[in-house]
Amino acid sequence: MSQKCLLSTICKLITSSFNYLYHTIKCRKIDYFHYDKLALPNYQAPEGFKSVFLYGQYKAVAKLSGRRFNFLTDYLEHGVCFSDNPESAPLMGYISRRGLKRVYTMGERRADVLRRYLNNNNLTADVASVGPYITGVPHFYSLEKLQALKNSLGRTLLIFPTHSIEKSAINRNVVKLCDEVDKIRAEYDTILCCVYWWDIISAKDEVNYYQERGYKVVTAGHRNDPKFLRRLKDIIWLSDIVVLDNIGTNLGYAITMNKPIFFAPSGNKLYCGNGDESQLSVQEELQQSVDNLNDRCAELFGHYPPMITKLQLDFVEEYWGSN
């Protein structure tokens, strides 16, 4: 690396780190009900370390692994990747970076995939599965505060609509999802709709639509917010039932927190790309894996009223692991 490039890299790291610190301080006391204050488009993570700063999960990994997270030598997958193809590993971040000593993921099934990737590429990092990250963080609010909120909300249904990300295209049918929810809403006092930060910015019409249907919109915050996972833990805790229309990391989190799931697929499709045509086949294979697992989820979780079963627990154990 030339001296000019090195200087540029250092400058980006410094400026992005200050940006991260500024927004982290700004958002540290804002809760999930103030979704408009948490969806900040300019919230940056330190340059060169973006994937390990996502959702504040490095703190959960430190707790669950019993060792301090080292940003220079440790790496984590920021969510559940449902592919068994070792070549899917780079899609999640910089696992191939030289100098890494430890790699963390949630489930042992995925850990085996990562070990195969590392072995295939002559990389020597150790891989550890630590279970669902959400078990490694405290709540955003105290349990006393949460109980007071729960008392005011009453019996609560929580919706997680399929979320989009930057540089992605999504085919999302929110009307169908809401129609499914409204078939059972009379049994609940409150409908919470947890919307991803990017959708709050890019799909304001959908946010307005949820509110027009009488739902209370919440968010866990920006993906770079270190308190994202803590807010998410509160949001799930406040619910009595969780409704999903697509498989995601939140499914395993909800079951881990003993919240039954009603799976109501609405035909959503998220098309992601990172601009690397060499990985197009891997991305397509991953999408097929997600489609197949959505069919499996429809069988496992598609019954109302929902009840947590042994088959569901086995499914979560398979992909999210346990601690």
C-alpha atoms as a PDB file:
ATOM      1  CA  MET A   1       0.000   0.000   0.000  1.00  0.00           C
ATOM      2  CA  SER A   2       1.400   3.375  -0.980  1.00  0.00           C
ATOM      3  CA  GLN A   3       1.946   6.093   1.603  1.00  0.00           C
ATOM      4  CA  LYS A   4      -0.864   8.136   0.028  1.00  0.00           C
ATOM      5  CA  CYS A   5      -3.331   5.246   0.228  1.00  0.00           C
ATOM      6  CA  LEU A   6      -2.309   4.489   3.798  1.00  0.00           C
ATOM      7  CA  LEU A   7      -2.858   8.104   4.820  1.00  0.00           C
ATOM      8  CA  SER A   8      -6.267   8.111   3.155  1.00  0.00           C
ATOM      9  CA  THR A   9      -7.249   4.899   4.953  1.00  0.00           C
ATOM     10  CA  ILE A  10      -6.182   6.298   8.324  1.00  0.00           C
ATOM     11  CA  CYS A  11      -8.113   9.526   7.719  1.00  0.00           C
ATOM     12  CA  LYS A  12     -11.263   7.578   6.826  1.00  0.00           C
ATOM     13  CA  LEU A  13     -10.889   5.470   9.959  1.00  0.00           C
ATOM     14  CA  ILE A  14     -10.502   8.551  12.161  1.00  0.00           C
ATOM     15  CA  THR A  15     -13.402  10.527  10.647  1.00  0.00           C
ATOM     16  CA  SER A  16     -15.764   7.512  10.622  1.00  0.00           C
ATOM     17  CA  SER A  17     -14.840   6.685  14.221  1.00  0.00           C
ATOM     18  CA  PHE A  18     -15.717  10.208  15.330  1.00  0.00           C
ATOM     19  CA  ASN A  19     -18.973   9.945  13.376  1.00  0.00           C
ATOM     20  CA  TYR A  20     -19.731   6.650  15.109  1.00  0.00           C
ATOM     21  CA  LEU A  21     -19.023   8.116  18.531  1.00  0.00           C
ATOM     22  CA  TYR A  22     -21.143  11.210  17.844  1.00  0.00           C
ATOM     23  CA  HIS A  23     -24.219   9.251  16.712  1.00  0.00           C
ATOM     24  CA  THR A  24     -23.802   6.645  19.448  1.00  0.00           C
ATOM     25  CA  ILE A  25     -23.883   9.357  22.116  1.00  0.00           C
ATOM     26  CA  LYS A  26     -26.789  11.078  20.371  1.00  0.00           C
ATOM     27  CA  CYS A  27     -28.917   7.898  20.322  1.00  0.00           C
ATOM     28  CA  ARG A  28     -27.907   6.235  23.576  1.00  0.00           C
ATOM     29  CA  LYS A  29     -31.063   7.244  25.509  1.00  0.00           C
ATOM     30  CA  ILE A  30     -33.582   7.158  22.656  1.00  0.00           C
ATOM     31  CA  ASP A  31     -35.988   4.242  22.895  1.00  0.00           C
ATOM     32  CA  TYR A  32     -37.713   2.179  20.215  1.00  0.00           C
ATOM     33  CA  PHE A  33     -40.918   4.209  20.154  1.00  0.00           C
ATOM     34  CA  HIS A  34     -39.056   7.233  18.721  1.00  0.00           C
ATOM     35  CA  TYR A  35     -38.361   5.541  15.403  1.00  0.00           C
ATOM     36  CA  ASP A  36     -37.908   8.795  13.493  1.00  0.00           C
ATOM     37  CA  LYS A  37     -35.040   9.853  15.769  1.00  0.00           C
ATOM     38  CA  LEU A  38     -33.212   6.530  15.414  1.00  0.00           C
ATOM     39  CA  ALA A  39     -33.306   6.202  11.616  1.00  0.00           C
ATOM     40  CA  LEU A  40     -30.196   8.265  10.909  1.00  0.00           C
ATOM     41  CA  PRO A  41     -28.843   7.860   7.355  1.00  0.00           C
ATOM     42  CA  ASN A  42     -25.376   9.261   8.144  1.00  0.00           C
ATOM     43  CA  TYR A  43     -24.570   6.934  11.067  1.00  0.00           C
ATOM     44  CA  GLN A  44     -21.193   5.382  10.204  1.00  0.00           C
ATOM     45  CA  ALA A  45     -19.185   2.529  11.647  1.00  0.00           C
ATOM     46  CA  PRO A  46     -15.383   2.746  11.853  1.00  0.00           C
ATOM     47  CA  GLU A  47     -13.979   2.309   8.341  1.00  0.00           C
ATOM     48  CA  GLY A  48     -12.544  -1.128   7.741  1.00  0.00           C
ATOM     49  CA  PHE A  49     -14.479  -2.722  10.608  1.00  0.00           C
ATOM     50  CA  LYS A  50     -18.087  -2.187   9.536  1.00  0.00           C
ATOM     51  CA  SER A  51     -19.291  -5.782   9.629  1.00  0.00           C
ATOM     52  CA  VAL A  52     -18.205  -6.439  13.232  1.00  0.00           C
ATOM     53  CA  PHE A  53     -19.806  -3.224  14.526  1.00  0.00           C
ATOM     54  CA  LEU A  54     -23.265  -4.101  13.188  1.00  0.00           C
ATOM     55  CA  TYR A  55     -26.057  -4.120  15.791  1.00  0.00           C
ATOM     56  CA  GLY A  56     -23.614  -3.929  18.704  1.00  0.00           C
ATOM     57  CA  GLN A  57     -23.243  -7.693  18.553  1.00  0.00           C
ATOM     58  CA  TYR A  58     -19.557  -7.681  19.390  1.00  0.00           C
ATOM     59  CA  LYS A  59     -20.631  -6.929  22.968  1.00  0.00           C
ATOM     60  CA  ALA A  60     -22.871  -9.993  22.970  1.00  0.00           C
ATOM     61  CA  VAL A  61     -20.060 -12.149  21.594  1.00  0.00           C
ATOM     62  CA  ALA A  62     -17.709 -10.914  24.312  1.00  0.00           C
ATOM     63  CA  LYS A  63     -20.261 -11.844  26.975  1.00  0.00           C
ATOM     64  CA  LEU A  64     -21.100 -15.247  25.496  1.00  0.00           C
ATOM     65  CA  SER A  65     -17.515 -16.243  24.725  1.00  0.00           C
ATOM     66  CA  GLY A  66     -16.143 -15.005  28.030  1.00  0.00           C
ATOM     67  CA  ARG A  67     -13.365 -13.055  26.373  1.00  0.00           C
ATOM     68  CA  ARG A  68     -12.887  -9.469  25.252  1.00  0.00           C
ATOM     69  CA  PHE A  69     -13.610  -8.879  21.562  1.00  0.00           C
ATOM     70  CA  ASN A  70     -10.434  -7.824  19.741  1.00  0.00           C
ATOM     71  CA  PHE A  71     -11.304  -5.774  16.646  1.00  0.00           C
ATOM     72  CA  LEU A  72      -7.940  -6.511  15.042  1.00  0.00           C
ATOM     73  CA  THR A  73      -7.945 -10.290  15.395  1.00  0.00           C
ATOM     74  CA  ASP A  74     -11.625 -11.237  15.939  1.00  0.00           C
ATOM     75  CA  TYR A  75     -14.461 -11.416  13.438  1.00  0.00           C
ATOM     76  CA  LEU A  76     -18.162 -12.257  13.736  1.00  0.00           C
ATOM     77  CA  GLU A  77     -21.002 -13.004  11.380  1.00  0.00           C
ATOM     78  CA  HIS A  78     -23.642 -10.365  12.057  1.00  0.00           C
ATOM     79  CA  GLY A  79     -26.657 -12.606  11.519  1.00  0.00           C
ATOM     80  CA  VAL A  80     -27.737 -16.110  10.613  1.00  0.00           C
ATOM     81  CA  CYS A  81     -26.628 -17.104   7.126  1.00  0.00           C
ATOM     82  CA  PHE A  82     -28.752 -20.004   5.886  1.00  0.00           C
ATOM     83  CA  SER A  83     -26.329 -21.271   3.234  1.00  0.00           C
ATOM     84  CA  ASP A  84     -24.225 -24.414   3.611  1.00  0.00           C
ATOM     85  CA  ASN A  85     -21.942 -23.310   0.775  1.00  0.00           C
ATOM     86  CA  PRO A  86     -18.511 -22.293   2.148  1.00  0.00           C
ATOM     87  CA  GLU A  87     -18.283 -19.620  -0.564  1.00  0.00           C
ATOM     88  CA  SER A  88     -21.133 -17.765   1.139  1.00  0.00           C
ATOM     89  CA  ALA A  89     -18.749 -16.784   3.961  1.00  0.00           C
ATOM     90  CA  PRO A  90     -17.317 -13.647   2.246  1.00  0.00           C
ATOM     91  CA  LEU A  91     -20.852 -12.359   1.649  1.00  0.00           C
ATOM     92  CA  MET A  92     -21.131 -11.671   5.372  1.00  0.00           C
ATOM     93  CA  GLY A  93     -17.919  -9.679   5.816  1.00  0.00           C
ATOM     94  CA  TYR A  94     -14.136  -9.826   5.821  1.00  0.00           C
ATOM     95  CA  ILE A  95     -13.574 -13.364   7.057  1.00  0.00           C
ATOM     96  CA  SER A  96     -10.631 -13.776   4.663  1.00  0.00           C
ATOM     97  CA  ARG A  97      -8.675 -10.874   6.160  1.00  0.00           C
ATOM     98  CA  ARG A  98      -5.181 -11.953   7.112  1.00  0.00           C
ATOM     99  CA  GLY A  99      -4.358 -11.868  10.798  1.00  0.00           C
ATOM    100  CA  LEU A 100      -7.723 -13.043  12.092  1.00  0.00           C
ATOM    101  CA  LYS A 101      -7.422 -15.499  14.964  1.00  0.00           C
ATOM    102  CA  ARG A 102     -11.034 -16.068  15.994  1.00  0.00           C
ATOM    103  CA  VAL A 103     -14.305 -16.208  14.066  1.00  0.00           C
ATOM    104  CA  TYR A 104     -17.660 -16.206  15.834  1.00  0.00           C
ATOM    105  CA  THR A 105     -21.077 -17.276  14.631  1.00  0.00           C
ATOM    106  CA  MET A 106     -24.271 -18.437  16.326  1.00  0.00           C
ATOM    107  CA  GLY A 107     -24.934 -22.060  15.381  1.00  0.00           C
ATOM    108  CA  GLU A 108     -22.614 -25.038  15.054  1.00  0.00           C
ATOM    109  CA  ARG A 109     -24.021 -25.886  11.622  1.00  0.00           C
ATOM    110  CA  ARG A 110     -22.802 -22.554  10.281  1.00  0.00           C
ATOM    111  CA  ALA A 111     -19.540 -22.875  12.231  1.00  0.00           C
ATOM    112  CA  ASP A 112     -18.769 -26.036  10.255  1.00  0.00           C
ATOM    113  CA  VAL A 113     -19.393 -24.142   7.002  1.00  0.00           C
ATOM    114  CA  LEU A 114     -16.976 -21.413   8.061  1.00  0.00           C
ATOM    115  CA  ARG A 115     -14.330 -23.952   9.040  1.00  0.00           C
ATOM    116  CA  ARG A 116     -14.548 -25.465   5.572  1.00  0.00           C
ATOM    117  CA  TYR A 117     -14.149 -22.028   4.002  1.00  0.00           C
ATOM    118  CA  LEU A 118     -11.098 -21.231   6.098  1.00  0.00           C
ATOM    119  CA  ASN A 119      -9.556 -24.615   5.389  1.00  0.00           C
ATOM    120  CA  ASN A 120     -10.199 -24.280   1.647  1.00  0.00           C
ATOM    121  CA  ASN A 121      -8.414 -20.930   1.637  1.00  0.00           C
ATOM    122  CA  ASN A 122      -5.494 -21.907   3.900  1.00  0.00           C
ATOM    123  CA  LEU A 123      -6.674 -19.627   6.708  1.00  0.00           C
ATOM    124  CA  THR A 124      -6.089 -20.692  10.290  1.00  0.00           C
ATOM    125  CA  ALA A 125      -8.577 -18.797  12.468  1.00  0.00           C
ATOM    126  CA  ASP A 126     -10.483 -20.732  15.125  1.00  0.00           C
ATOM    127  CA  VAL A 127     -14.280 -20.811  14.742  1.00  0.00           C
ATOM    128  CA  ALA A 128     -16.629 -20.724  17.731  1.00  0.00           C
ATOM    129  CA  SER A 129     -20.424 -20.942  17.884  1.00  0.00           C
ATOM    130  CA  VAL A 130     -21.804 -18.950  20.814  1.00  0.00           C
ATOM    131  CA  GLY A 131     -25.571 -19.309  20.357  1.00  0.00           C
ATOM    132  CA  PRO A 132     -28.166 -16.576  19.780  1.00  0.00           C
ATOM    133  CA  TYR A 133     -26.449 -13.229  20.237  1.00  0.00           C
ATOM    134  CA  ILE A 134     -29.526 -11.683  21.861  1.00  0.00           C
ATOM    135  CA  THR A 135     -28.910 -13.778  24.987  1.00  0.00           C
ATOM    136  CA  GLY A 136     -25.618 -11.969  25.510  1.00  0.00           C
ATOM    137  CA  VAL A 137     -26.963  -8.437  25.971  1.00  0.00           C
ATOM    138  CA  PRO A 138     -29.014  -6.789  28.722  1.00  0.00           C
ATOM    139  CA  HIS A 139     -32.333  -5.097  28.107  1.00  0.00           C
ATOM    140  CA  PHE A 140     -32.485  -1.451  27.064  1.00  0.00           C
ATOM    141  CA  TYR A 141     -34.802  -0.640  29.977  1.00  0.00           C
ATOM    142  CA  SER A 142     -34.922  -2.122  33.460  1.00  0.00           C
ATOM    143  CA  LEU A 143     -37.351  -4.985  34.012  1.00  0.00           C
ATOM    144  CA  GLU A 144     -39.396  -2.690  36.258  1.00  0.00           C
ATOM    145  CA  LYS A 145     -39.742  -0.147  33.439  1.00  0.00           C
ATOM    146  CA  LEU A 146     -40.500  -2.913  30.951  1.00  0.00           C
ATOM    147  CA  GLN A 147     -43.243  -4.336  33.152  1.00  0.00           C
ATOM    148  CA  ALA A 148     -44.844  -0.896  33.402  1.00  0.00           C
ATOM    149  CA  LEU A 149     -44.745  -0.623  29.599  1.00  0.00           C
ATOM    150  CA  LYS A 150     -46.192  -4.110  29.267  1.00  0.00           C
ATOM    151  CA  ASN A 151     -49.030  -3.228  31.595  1.00  0.00           C
ATOM    152  CA  SER A 152     -49.897  -0.192  29.471  1.00  0.00           C
ATOM    153  CA  LEU A 153     -49.695  -2.105  26.179  1.00  0.00           C
ATOM    154  CA  GLY A 154     -51.681  -5.115  27.329  1.00  0.00           C
ATOM    155  CA  ARG A 155     -51.777  -8.247  25.202  1.00  0.00           C
ATOM    156  CA  THR A 156     -49.425  -7.429  22.337  1.00  0.00           C
ATOM    157  CA  LEU A 157     -48.886  -8.788  18.832  1.00  0.00           C
ATOM    158  CA  LEU A 158     -45.510  -7.918  17.297  1.00  0.00           C
ATOM    159  CA  ILE A 159     -44.962  -7.810  13.523  1.00  0.00           C
ATOM    160  CA  PHE A 160     -41.570  -8.017  11.828  1.00  0.00           C
ATOM    161  CA  PRO A 161     -42.148  -7.127   8.169  1.00  0.00           C
ATOM    162  CA  THR A 162     -39.503  -8.263   5.705  1.00  0.00           C
ATOM    163  CA  HIS A 163     -36.924  -5.482   5.614  1.00  0.00           C
ATOM    164  CA  SER A 164     -34.865  -4.165   2.750  1.00  0.00           C
ATOM    165  CA  ILE A 165     -31.274  -2.940   2.766  1.00  0.00           C
ATOM    166  CA  GLU A 166     -29.374  -0.395   0.753  1.00  0.00           C
ATOM    167  CA  LYS A 167     -28.551  -1.460  -2.806  1.00  0.00           C
ATOM    168  CA  SER A 168     -31.317  -4.035  -2.765  1.00  0.00           C
ATOM    169  CA  ALA A 169     -34.617  -4.476  -4.545  1.00  0.00           C
ATOM    170  CA  ILE A 170     -37.605  -5.841  -2.680  1.00  0.00           C
ATOM    171  CA  ASN A 171     -40.995  -7.112  -3.696  1.00  0.00           C
ATOM    172  CA  ARG A 172     -43.026  -6.642  -0.518  1.00  0.00           C
ATOM    173  CA  ASN A 173     -46.763  -7.101  -0.029  1.00  0.00           C
ATOM    174  CA  VAL A 174     -47.554  -5.182   3.154  1.00  0.00           C
ATOM    175  CA  VAL A 175     -51.295  -5.186   2.468  1.00  0.00           C
ATOM    176  CA  LYS A 176     -51.417  -8.985   2.493  1.00  0.00           C
ATOM    177  CA  LEU A 177     -49.394  -9.113   5.709  1.00  0.00           C
ATOM    178  CA  CYS A 178     -51.636  -6.575   7.431  1.00  0.00           C
ATOM    179  CA  ASP A 179     -54.764  -8.383   6.236  1.00  0.00           C
ATOM    180  CA  GLU A 180     -53.476 -11.563   7.873  1.00  0.00           C
ATOM    181  CA  VAL A 181     -52.786  -9.700  11.109  1.00  0.00           C
ATOM    182  CA  ASP A 182     -56.205  -8.064  11.106  1.00  0.00           C
ATOM    183  CA  LYS A 183     -57.875 -11.474  11.057  1.00  0.00           C
ATOM    184  CA  ILE A 184     -56.646 -12.015  14.623  1.00  0.00           C
ATOM    185  CA  ARG A 185     -56.104  -8.479  15.915  1.00  0.00           C
ATOM    186  CA  ALA A 186     -59.291  -8.497  17.986  1.00  0.00           C
ATOM    187  CA  GLU A 187     -57.515 -10.843  20.387  1.00  0.00           C
ATOM    188  CA  TYR A 188     -54.850  -8.213  21.161  1.00  0.00           C
ATOM    189  CA  ASP A 189     -54.796  -4.807  22.799  1.00  0.00           C
ATOM    190  CA  THR A 190     -51.758  -3.500  20.893  1.00  0.00           C
ATOM    191  CA  ILE A 191     -50.139  -4.208  17.533  1.00  0.00           C
ATOM    192  CA  LEU A 192     -46.439  -3.321  17.431  1.00  0.00           C
ATOM    193  CA  CYS A 193     -44.774  -3.158  14.019  1.00  0.00           C
ATOM    194  CA  CYS A 194     -40.976  -3.248  14.173  1.00  0.00           C
ATOM    195  CA  VAL A 195     -39.645  -1.508  11.059  1.00  0.00           C
ATOM    196  CA  TYR A 196     -36.002  -1.607  10.005  1.00  0.00           C
ATOM    197  CA  TRP A 197     -34.236   1.771  10.013  1.00  0.00           C
ATOM    198  CA  TRP A 198     -33.663   1.791   6.240  1.00  0.00           C
ATOM    199  CA  ASP A 199     -37.353   1.177   5.534  1.00  0.00           C
ATOM    200  CA  ILE A 200     -38.292   4.074   7.804  1.00  0.00           C
ATOM    201  CA  ILE A 201     -36.248   6.279   5.473  1.00  0.00           C
ATOM    202  CA  SER A 202     -36.905   4.650   2.115  1.00  0.00           C
ATOM    203  CA  ALA A 203     -40.477   3.373   2.526  1.00  0.00           C
ATOM    204  CA  LYS A 204     -42.268   6.135   4.401  1.00  0.00           C
ATOM    205  CA  ASP A 205     -45.528   5.316   2.645  1.00  0.00           C
ATOM    206  CA  GLU A 206     -45.444   1.853   4.194  1.00  0.00           C
ATOM    207  CA  VAL A 207     -44.721   3.277   7.644  1.00  0.00           C
ATOM    208  CA  ASN A 208     -47.717   5.576   7.219  1.00  0.00           C
ATOM    209  CA  TYR A 209     -49.805   2.620   6.075  1.00  0.00           C
ATOM    210  CA  TYR A 210     -48.992   0.649   9.227  1.00  0.00           C
ATOM    211  CA  GLN A 211     -50.064   3.601  11.329  1.00  0.00           C
ATOM    212  CA  GLU A 212     -53.260   4.022   9.320  1.00  0.00           C
ATOM    213  CA  ARG A 213     -54.058   0.396  10.144  1.00  0.00           C
ATOM    214  CA  GLY A 214     -53.738   1.315  13.827  1.00  0.00           C
ATOM    215  CA  TYR A 215     -50.330  -0.251  14.476  1.00  0.00           C
ATOM    216  CA  LYS A 216     -47.716   1.307  16.746  1.00  0.00           C
ATOM    217  CA  VAL A 217     -44.429   1.612  14.813  1.00  0.00           C
ATOM    218  CA  VAL A 218     -41.171   0.884  16.633  1.00  0.00           C
ATOM    219  CA  THR A 219     -37.569   0.303  15.567  1.00  0.00           C
ATOM    220  CA  ALA A 220     -34.452  -1.142  17.169  1.00  0.00           C
ATOM    221  CA  GLY A 221     -32.349   1.639  15.665  1.00  0.00           C
ATOM    222  CA  HIS A 222     -29.685   2.043  13.020  1.00  0.00           C
ATOM    223  CA  ARG A 223     -27.649  -1.052  12.179  1.00  0.00           C
ATOM    224  CA  ASN A 224     -24.482   0.664  13.506  1.00  0.00           C
ATOM    225  CA  ASP A 225     -26.099   1.552  16.824  1.00  0.00           C
ATOM    226  CA  PRO A 226     -24.479  -0.507  19.611  1.00  0.00           C
ATOM    227  CA  LYS A 227     -27.801  -0.538  21.489  1.00  0.00           C
ATOM    228  CA  PHE A 228     -29.718  -2.027  18.545  1.00  0.00           C
ATOM    229  CA  LEU A 229     -29.761  -5.528  20.030  1.00  0.00           C
ATOM    230  CA  ARG A 230     -30.762  -4.243  23.467  1.00  0.00           C
ATOM    231  CA  ARG A 231     -33.735  -2.377  22.005  1.00  0.00           C
ATOM    232  CA  LEU A 232     -34.681  -5.439  19.980  1.00  0.00           C
ATOM    233  CA  LYS A 233     -34.611  -7.550  23.133  1.00  0.00           C
ATOM    234  CA  ASP A 234     -37.068  -5.147  24.788  1.00  0.00           C
ATOM    235  CA  ILE A 235     -39.373  -5.108  21.768  1.00  0.00           C
ATOM    236  CA  ILE A 236     -39.596  -8.905  21.671  1.00  0.00           C
ATOM    237  CA  TRP A 237     -39.996  -9.094  25.454  1.00  0.00           C
ATOM    238  CA  LEU A 238     -43.031  -6.803  25.302  1.00  0.00           C
ATOM    239  CA  SER A 239     -44.838  -9.120  22.882  1.00  0.00           C
ATOM    240  CA  ASP A 240     -47.109 -12.094  23.461  1.00  0.00           C
ATOM    241  CA  ILE A 241     -46.868 -13.372  19.891  1.00  0.00           C
ATOM    242  CA  VAL A 242     -44.568 -12.579  16.959  1.00  0.00           C
ATOM    243  CA  VAL A 243     -45.758 -12.507  13.337  1.00  0.00           C
ATOM    244  CA  LEU A 244     -43.209 -12.971  10.543  1.00  0.00           C
ATOM    245  CA  ASP A 245     -43.655 -13.050   6.776  1.00  0.00           C
ATOM    246  CA  ASN A 246     -40.100 -14.162   6.002  1.00  0.00           C
ATOM    247  CA  ILE A 247     -37.351 -16.096   7.768  1.00  0.00           C
ATOM    248  CA  GLY A 248     -34.768 -13.937   9.496  1.00  0.00           C
ATOM    249  CA  THR A 249     -32.506 -13.779  12.514  1.00  0.00           C
ATOM    250  CA  ASN A 250     -35.451 -12.436  14.537  1.00  0.00           C
ATOM    251  CA  LEU A 251     -37.202 -15.825  14.288  1.00  0.00           C
ATOM    252  CA  GLY A 252     -34.580 -17.586  16.383  1.00  0.00           C
ATOM    253  CA  TYR A 253     -34.388 -14.659  18.786  1.00  0.00           C
ATOM    254  CA  ALA A 254     -38.139 -14.760  19.424  1.00  0.00           C
ATOM    255  CA  ILE A 255     -38.216 -18.508  20.069  1.00  0.00           C
ATOM    256  CA  THR A 256     -35.137 -18.198  22.306  1.00  0.00           C
ATOM    257  CA  MET A 257     -37.079 -15.622  24.333  1.00  0.00           C
ATOM    258  CA  ASN A 258     -40.038 -18.015  24.537  1.00  0.00           C
ATOM    259  CA  LYS A 259     -42.295 -15.993  22.222  1.00  0.00           C
ATOM    260  CA  PRO A 260     -44.492 -18.112  19.914  1.00  0.00           C
ATOM    261  CA  ILE A 261     -44.374 -17.316  16.212  1.00  0.00           C
ATOM    262  CA  PHE A 262     -47.109 -17.174  13.616  1.00  0.00           C
ATOM    263  CA  PHE A 263     -45.571 -17.376  10.154  1.00  0.00           C
ATOM    264  CA  ALA A 264     -47.689 -15.597   7.539  1.00  0.00           C
ATOM    265  CA  PRO A 265     -45.761 -15.549   4.229  1.00  0.00           C
ATOM    266  CA  SER A 266     -46.873 -12.845   1.819  1.00  0.00           C
ATOM    267  CA  GLY A 267     -44.667 -13.669  -1.165  1.00  0.00           C
ATOM    268  CA  ASN A 268     -41.918 -11.201  -0.324  1.00  0.00           C
ATOM    269  CA  LYS A 269     -38.624 -11.361  -2.209  1.00  0.00           C
ATOM    270  CA  LEU A 270     -35.442  -9.488  -1.351  1.00  0.00           C
ATOM    271  CA  TYR A 271     -32.886  -9.305  -4.141  1.00  0.00           C
ATOM    272  CA  CYS A 272     -29.436  -8.387  -2.859  1.00  0.00           C
ATOM    273  CA  GLY A 273     -26.222  -7.732  -4.670  1.00  0.00           C
ATOM    274  CA  ASN A 274     -22.804  -6.441  -3.735  1.00  0.00           C
ATOM    275  CA  GLY A 275     -21.699  -5.601  -7.234  1.00  0.00           C
ATOM    276  CA  ASP A 276     -19.420  -8.661  -7.461  1.00  0.00           C
ATOM    277  CA  GLU A 277     -20.555 -10.743 -10.433  1.00  0.00           C
ATOM    278  CA  SER A 278     -18.188 -13.550  -9.417  1.00  0.00           C
ATOM    279  CA  GLN A 279     -20.419 -14.179  -6.390  1.00  0.00           C
ATOM    280  CA  LEU A 280     -23.714 -13.994  -8.267  1.00  0.00           C
ATOM    281  CA  SER A 281     -24.187 -17.775  -8.300  1.00  0.00           C
ATOM    282  CA  VAL A 282     -23.524 -17.924  -4.540  1.00  0.00           C
ATOM    283  CA  GLN A 283     -26.092 -15.190  -3.940  1.00  0.00           C
ATOM    284  CA  GLU A 284     -28.640 -17.008  -6.070  1.00  0.00           C
ATOM    285  CA  GLU A 285     -27.965 -20.235  -4.185  1.00  0.00           C
ATOM    286  CA  LEU A 286     -28.418 -18.399  -0.876  1.00  0.00           C
ATOM    287  CA  GLN A 287     -31.741 -17.008  -2.098  1.00  0.00           C
ATOM    288  CA  GLN A 288     -32.862 -20.532  -2.983  1.00  0.00           C
ATOM    289  CA  SER A 289     -31.878 -21.724   0.495  1.00  0.00           C
ATOM    290  CA  VAL A 290     -33.977 -18.940   2.028  1.00  0.00           C
ATOM    291  CA  ASP A 291     -36.928 -19.846  -0.189  1.00  0.00           C
ATOM    292  CA  ASN A 292     -36.673 -23.488   0.863  1.00  0.00           C
ATOM    293  CA  LEU A 293     -36.487 -22.557   4.541  1.00  0.00           C
ATOM    294  CA  ASN A 294     -39.482 -20.262   4.166  1.00  0.00           C
ATOM    295  CA  ASP A 295     -41.437 -23.310   3.030  1.00  0.00           C
ATOM    296  CA  ARG A 296     -40.174 -25.192   6.060  1.00  0.00           C
ATOM    297  CA  CYS A 297     -41.148 -22.301   8.347  1.00  0.00           C
ATOM    298  CA  ALA A 298     -44.637 -22.249   6.859  1.00  0.00           C
ATOM    299  CA  GLU A 299     -44.996 -25.863   7.952  1.00  0.00           C
ATOM    300  CA  LEU A 300     -43.458 -25.374  11.387  1.00  0.00           C
ATOM    301  CA  PHE A 301     -44.873 -21.980  12.358  1.00  0.00           C
ATOM    302  CA  GLY A 302     -47.871 -21.481  10.064  1.00  0.00           C
ATOM    303  CA  HIS A 303     -50.562 -22.527  12.544  1.00  0.00           C
ATOM    304  CA  TYR A 304     -52.744 -20.304  14.720  1.00  0.00           C
ATOM    305  CA  PRO A 305     -52.865 -20.051  17.641  1.00  0.00           C
ATOM    306  CA  PRO A 306     -49.100 -20.601  17.739  1.00  0.00           C
ATOM    307  CA  MET A 307     -47.430 -22.873  20.240  1.00  0.00           C
ATOM    308  CA  ILE A 308     -43.712 -23.538  20.650  1.00  0.00           C
ATOM    309  CA  THR A 309     -43.045 -27.180  19.781  1.00  0.00           C
ATOM    310  CA  LYS A 310     -40.102 -29.557  19.985  1.00  0.00           C
ATOM    311  CA  LEU A 311     -39.724 -29.423  16.192  1.00  0.00           C
ATOM    312  CA  GLN A 312     -39.486 -25.625  16.321  1.00  0.00           C
ATOM    313  CA  LEU A 313     -36.900 -25.729  19.080  1.00  0.00           C
ATOM    314  CA  ASP A 314     -34.860 -28.255  17.091  1.00  0.00           C
ATOM    315  CA  PHE A 315     -35.021 -25.999  14.035  1.00  0.00           C
ATOM    316  CA  VAL A 316     -33.776 -22.991  15.995  1.00  0.00           C
ATOM    317  CA  GLU A 317     -31.050 -25.076  17.615  1.00  0.00           C
ATOM    318  CA  GLU A 318     -29.913 -26.193  14.140  1.00  0.00           C
ATOM    319  CA  TYR A 319     -29.340 -22.664  12.807  1.00  0.00           C
ATOM    320  CA  TRP A 320     -29.076 -20.372  15.849  1.00  0.00           C
ATOM    321  CA  GLY A 321     -27.410 -22.760  18.245  1.00  0.00           C
ATOM    322  CA  SER A 322     -27.717 -22.481  22.023  1.00  0.00           C
ATOM    323  CA  ASN A 323     -25.681 -21.319  24.973  1.00  0.00           C
END
